[in-house]
Amino acid sequence: MSKPLCKSAYYDAFRNGREFDIFAERDEKIHGQNRRMFSRPYSTAVIKDFEASLDDVLMNFVNTPKSMDGQEVNFGKYLELFAFGKWY
């Protein structure tokens, strides 16, 4: 099997002086260790565990404007509140 392509010095610009940056890390071994550390919350198994809660939140998101019966809604603010979990 061939060796994976290594990131070039181009990625150094993304560090902005940070010692730790998973995106800009050029050492494949370190990048792999860091990726494993952060990948678990995004795995299919974990996402499936949250499916019921997510369904409830999304249904609330859809049904709330319906219950406002003709009231004016600042949809940008509504999306902001939804994104940061402050509206329900």
N, C-alpha and C. Protein backbone atom coordinates (compact mmCIF):
# COMPACT_ATOMS: atom_id res chain seq x y z
N MET A 1 0.84 -1.18 0.00
CA MET A 1 0.00 0.00 0.00
C MET A 1 0.89 1.24 0.00
N SER A 2 0.51 2.22 -0.74
CA SER A 2 1.34 3.42 -0.84
C SER A 2 1.13 4.32 0.37
N LYS A 3 2.11 5.14 0.62
CA LYS A 3 2.06 6.09 1.73
C LYS A 3 1.09 7.22 1.39
N PRO A 4 0.27 7.68 2.34
CA PRO A 4 -0.68 8.77 2.05
C PRO A 4 0.06 10.07 1.74
N LEU A 5 -0.60 10.92 1.01
CA LEU A 5 -0.02 12.22 0.69
C LEU A 5 0.12 13.04 1.97
N CYS A 6 1.25 13.71 2.11
CA CYS A 6 1.48 14.55 3.28
C CYS A 6 1.04 15.97 2.99
N LYS A 7 0.60 16.65 4.02
CA LYS A 7 0.22 18.05 3.87
C LYS A 7 1.47 18.90 3.65
N SER A 8 1.33 19.90 2.81
CA SER A 8 2.46 20.78 2.50
C SER A 8 2.53 21.93 3.52
N ALA A 9 3.54 22.76 3.38
CA ALA A 9 3.72 23.91 4.25
C ALA A 9 2.56 24.90 4.13
N TYR A 10 1.77 24.77 3.09
CA TYR A 10 0.59 25.62 2.90
C TYR A 10 -0.28 25.63 4.17
N TYR A 11 -0.40 24.50 4.84
CA TYR A 11 -1.27 24.37 6.01
C TYR A 11 -0.73 25.11 7.23
N ASP A 12 0.53 25.45 7.24
CA ASP A 12 1.11 26.19 8.37
C ASP A 12 0.41 27.53 8.57
N ALA A 13 -0.07 28.12 7.50
CA ALA A 13 -0.75 29.43 7.58
C ALA A 13 -2.04 29.35 8.40
N PHE A 14 -2.63 28.19 8.49
CA PHE A 14 -3.88 28.04 9.23
C PHE A 14 -3.68 27.92 10.74
N ARG A 15 -2.48 27.74 11.17
CA ARG A 15 -2.20 27.61 12.60
C ARG A 15 -2.39 28.92 13.37
N ASN A 16 -2.09 30.05 12.75
CA ASN A 16 -2.22 31.35 13.42
C ASN A 16 -1.56 31.36 14.79
N GLY A 17 -0.40 30.73 14.89
CA GLY A 17 0.34 30.73 16.15
C GLY A 17 -0.10 29.68 17.16
N ARG A 18 -1.16 28.93 16.83
CA ARG A 18 -1.64 27.90 17.76
C ARG A 18 -0.73 26.69 17.69
N GLU A 19 -0.41 26.15 18.84
CA GLU A 19 0.41 24.94 18.87
C GLU A 19 -0.42 23.73 18.42
N PHE A 20 -1.68 23.70 18.85
CA PHE A 20 -2.57 22.58 18.50
C PHE A 20 -3.58 23.04 17.47
N ASP A 21 -3.62 22.36 16.35
CA ASP A 21 -4.62 22.63 15.31
C ASP A 21 -4.80 21.35 14.51
N ILE A 22 -5.91 20.66 14.74
CA ILE A 22 -6.11 19.36 14.09
C ILE A 22 -6.16 19.49 12.57
N PHE A 23 -6.71 20.58 12.07
CA PHE A 23 -6.80 20.77 10.63
C PHE A 23 -5.42 20.99 10.01
N ALA A 24 -4.61 21.82 10.65
CA ALA A 24 -3.32 22.19 10.07
C ALA A 24 -2.19 21.24 10.43
N GLU A 25 -2.44 20.26 11.27
CA GLU A 25 -1.37 19.35 11.69
C GLU A 25 -0.82 18.59 10.48
N ARG A 26 0.48 18.66 10.30
CA ARG A 26 1.13 18.03 9.14
C ARG A 26 1.71 16.66 9.46
N ASP A 27 1.92 16.35 10.71
CA ASP A 27 2.45 15.05 11.11
C ASP A 27 1.28 14.05 11.12
N GLU A 28 1.33 13.07 10.22
CA GLU A 28 0.21 12.13 10.08
C GLU A 28 -0.08 11.35 11.35
N LYS A 29 0.95 10.99 12.10
CA LYS A 29 0.75 10.23 13.34
C LYS A 29 0.00 11.07 14.37
N ILE A 30 0.44 12.31 14.57
CA ILE A 30 -0.23 13.20 15.52
C ILE A 30 -1.64 13.52 15.05
N HIS A 31 -1.80 13.78 13.75
CA HIS A 31 -3.13 14.08 13.21
C HIS A 31 -4.07 12.89 13.46
N GLY A 32 -3.58 11.67 13.24
CA GLY A 32 -4.40 10.48 13.46
C GLY A 32 -4.82 10.33 14.91
N GLN A 33 -3.89 10.58 15.83
CA GLN A 33 -4.21 10.49 17.26
C GLN A 33 -5.27 11.53 17.64
N ASN A 34 -5.10 12.74 17.15
CA ASN A 34 -6.06 13.81 17.46
C ASN A 34 -7.41 13.54 16.81
N ARG A 35 -7.40 13.04 15.58
CA ARG A 35 -8.65 12.75 14.89
C ARG A 35 -9.45 11.69 15.66
N ARG A 36 -8.77 10.66 16.13
CA ARG A 36 -9.47 9.62 16.91
C ARG A 36 -10.06 10.19 18.19
N MET A 37 -9.36 11.14 18.79
CA MET A 37 -9.83 11.74 20.03
C MET A 37 -11.13 12.52 19.80
N PHE A 38 -11.28 13.13 18.63
CA PHE A 38 -12.45 13.97 18.36
C PHE A 38 -13.52 13.31 17.52
N SER A 39 -13.27 12.14 16.98
CA SER A 39 -14.22 11.54 16.04
C SER A 39 -15.41 10.84 16.70
N ARG A 40 -15.28 10.39 17.92
CA ARG A 40 -16.34 9.62 18.57
C ARG A 40 -17.70 10.34 18.60
N PRO A 41 -17.75 11.62 18.96
CA PRO A 41 -19.08 12.28 19.01
C PRO A 41 -19.78 12.34 17.66
N TYR A 42 -19.05 12.15 16.57
CA TYR A 42 -19.64 12.24 15.24
C TYR A 42 -19.87 10.87 14.61
N SER A 43 -19.69 9.82 15.38
CA SER A 43 -19.87 8.47 14.85
C SER A 43 -21.37 8.17 14.67
N THR A 44 -21.65 7.24 13.80
CA THR A 44 -23.04 6.85 13.53
C THR A 44 -23.72 6.35 14.79
N ALA A 45 -23.02 5.58 15.60
CA ALA A 45 -23.62 5.02 16.82
C ALA A 45 -24.06 6.13 17.78
N VAL A 46 -23.24 7.13 17.97
CA VAL A 46 -23.59 8.22 18.88
C VAL A 46 -24.74 9.04 18.31
N ILE A 47 -24.70 9.30 17.03
CA ILE A 47 -25.77 10.08 16.40
C ILE A 47 -27.10 9.34 16.53
N LYS A 48 -27.09 8.02 16.37
CA LYS A 48 -28.32 7.23 16.53
C LYS A 48 -28.86 7.34 17.95
N ASP A 49 -27.97 7.43 18.95
CA ASP A 49 -28.42 7.59 20.34
C ASP A 49 -29.19 8.89 20.55
N PHE A 50 -28.86 9.90 19.77
CA PHE A 50 -29.51 11.20 19.91
C PHE A 50 -30.70 11.39 18.98
N GLU A 51 -31.01 10.38 18.19
CA GLU A 51 -32.04 10.53 17.17
C GLU A 51 -33.40 10.94 17.73
N ALA A 52 -33.84 10.31 18.80
CA ALA A 52 -35.15 10.63 19.37
C ALA A 52 -35.18 12.07 19.89
N SER A 53 -34.12 12.48 20.56
CA SER A 53 -34.06 13.86 21.06
C SER A 53 -34.04 14.86 19.90
N LEU A 54 -33.29 14.53 18.88
CA LEU A 54 -33.21 15.41 17.72
C LEU A 54 -34.56 15.52 17.03
N ASP A 55 -35.27 14.40 16.92
CA ASP A 55 -36.62 14.42 16.33
C ASP A 55 -37.53 15.37 17.11
N ASP A 56 -37.48 15.31 18.44
CA ASP A 56 -38.31 16.18 19.27
C ASP A 56 -37.97 17.65 19.05
N VAL A 57 -36.69 17.96 19.01
CA VAL A 57 -36.26 19.35 18.82
C VAL A 57 -36.69 19.85 17.45
N LEU A 58 -36.52 19.03 16.42
CA LEU A 58 -36.90 19.45 15.07
C LEU A 58 -38.41 19.63 14.94
N MET A 59 -39.18 18.75 15.56
CA MET A 59 -40.64 18.90 15.51
C MET A 59 -41.07 20.19 16.22
N ASN A 60 -40.42 20.49 17.33
CA ASN A 60 -40.71 21.73 18.04
C ASN A 60 -40.34 22.93 17.16
N PHE A 61 -39.21 22.84 16.46
CA PHE A 61 -38.76 23.91 15.58
C PHE A 61 -39.79 24.16 14.47
N VAL A 62 -40.35 23.09 13.92
CA VAL A 62 -41.32 23.21 12.84
C VAL A 62 -42.67 23.69 13.36
N ASN A 63 -43.09 23.19 14.51
CA ASN A 63 -44.44 23.49 15.01
C ASN A 63 -44.56 24.84 15.71
N THR A 64 -43.48 25.36 16.26
CA THR A 64 -43.56 26.64 16.98
C THR A 64 -44.08 27.77 16.10
N PRO A 65 -43.55 27.98 14.89
CA PRO A 65 -44.10 29.06 14.05
C PRO A 65 -45.56 28.83 13.69
N LYS A 66 -45.96 27.58 13.54
CA LYS A 66 -47.36 27.29 13.22
C LYS A 66 -48.27 27.76 14.35
N SER A 67 -47.79 27.69 15.58
CA SER A 67 -48.62 28.05 16.73
C SER A 67 -48.65 29.56 16.96
N MET A 68 -47.88 30.32 16.21
CA MET A 68 -47.82 31.77 16.41
C MET A 68 -48.96 32.49 15.69
N ASP A 69 -49.75 31.77 14.94
CA ASP A 69 -51.00 32.23 14.34
C ASP A 69 -50.97 33.67 13.83
N GLY A 70 -50.21 33.90 12.78
CA GLY A 70 -50.20 35.20 12.12
C GLY A 70 -49.27 36.23 12.70
N GLN A 71 -48.59 35.93 13.79
CA GLN A 71 -47.64 36.88 14.37
C GLN A 71 -46.41 37.00 13.46
N GLU A 72 -45.83 38.17 13.46
CA GLU A 72 -44.61 38.38 12.69
C GLU A 72 -43.45 37.67 13.39
N VAL A 73 -42.59 37.00 12.59
CA VAL A 73 -41.47 36.24 13.13
C VAL A 73 -40.18 36.73 12.48
N ASN A 74 -39.19 37.07 13.31
CA ASN A 74 -37.86 37.39 12.82
C ASN A 74 -37.17 36.05 12.62
N PHE A 75 -37.21 35.54 11.39
CA PHE A 75 -36.73 34.18 11.15
C PHE A 75 -35.23 34.06 11.39
N GLY A 76 -34.46 35.11 11.13
CA GLY A 76 -33.03 35.08 11.41
C GLY A 76 -32.77 34.87 12.89
N LYS A 77 -33.48 35.61 13.73
CA LYS A 77 -33.35 35.45 15.18
C LYS A 77 -33.84 34.07 15.62
N TYR A 78 -34.92 33.61 15.01
CA TYR A 78 -35.47 32.29 15.32
C TYR A 78 -34.43 31.20 15.03
N LEU A 79 -33.76 31.29 13.88
CA LEU A 79 -32.73 30.31 13.53
C LEU A 79 -31.55 30.39 14.48
N GLU A 80 -31.19 31.62 14.87
CA GLU A 80 -30.09 31.78 15.83
C GLU A 80 -30.42 31.12 17.16
N LEU A 81 -31.62 31.36 17.65
CA LEU A 81 -32.04 30.75 18.91
C LEU A 81 -32.09 29.23 18.80
N PHE A 82 -32.55 28.74 17.66
CA PHE A 82 -32.60 27.29 17.43
C PHE A 82 -31.19 26.71 17.42
N ALA A 83 -30.28 27.34 16.72
CA ALA A 83 -28.92 26.83 16.57
C ALA A 83 -28.20 26.72 17.92
N PHE A 84 -28.51 27.64 18.82
CA PHE A 84 -27.81 27.65 20.11
C PHE A 84 -28.67 27.14 21.26
N GLY A 85 -29.82 26.52 20.93
CA GLY A 85 -30.63 25.83 21.92
C GLY A 85 -31.26 26.74 22.97
N LYS A 86 -31.64 27.96 22.59
CA LYS A 86 -32.17 28.89 23.58
C LYS A 86 -33.67 29.17 23.39
N TRP A 87 -34.33 28.48 22.52
CA TRP A 87 -35.72 28.83 22.23
C TRP A 87 -36.72 27.82 22.73
N TYR A 88 -36.30 26.69 23.18
CA TYR A 88 -37.29 25.69 23.61
C TYR A 88 -37.21 25.43 25.09
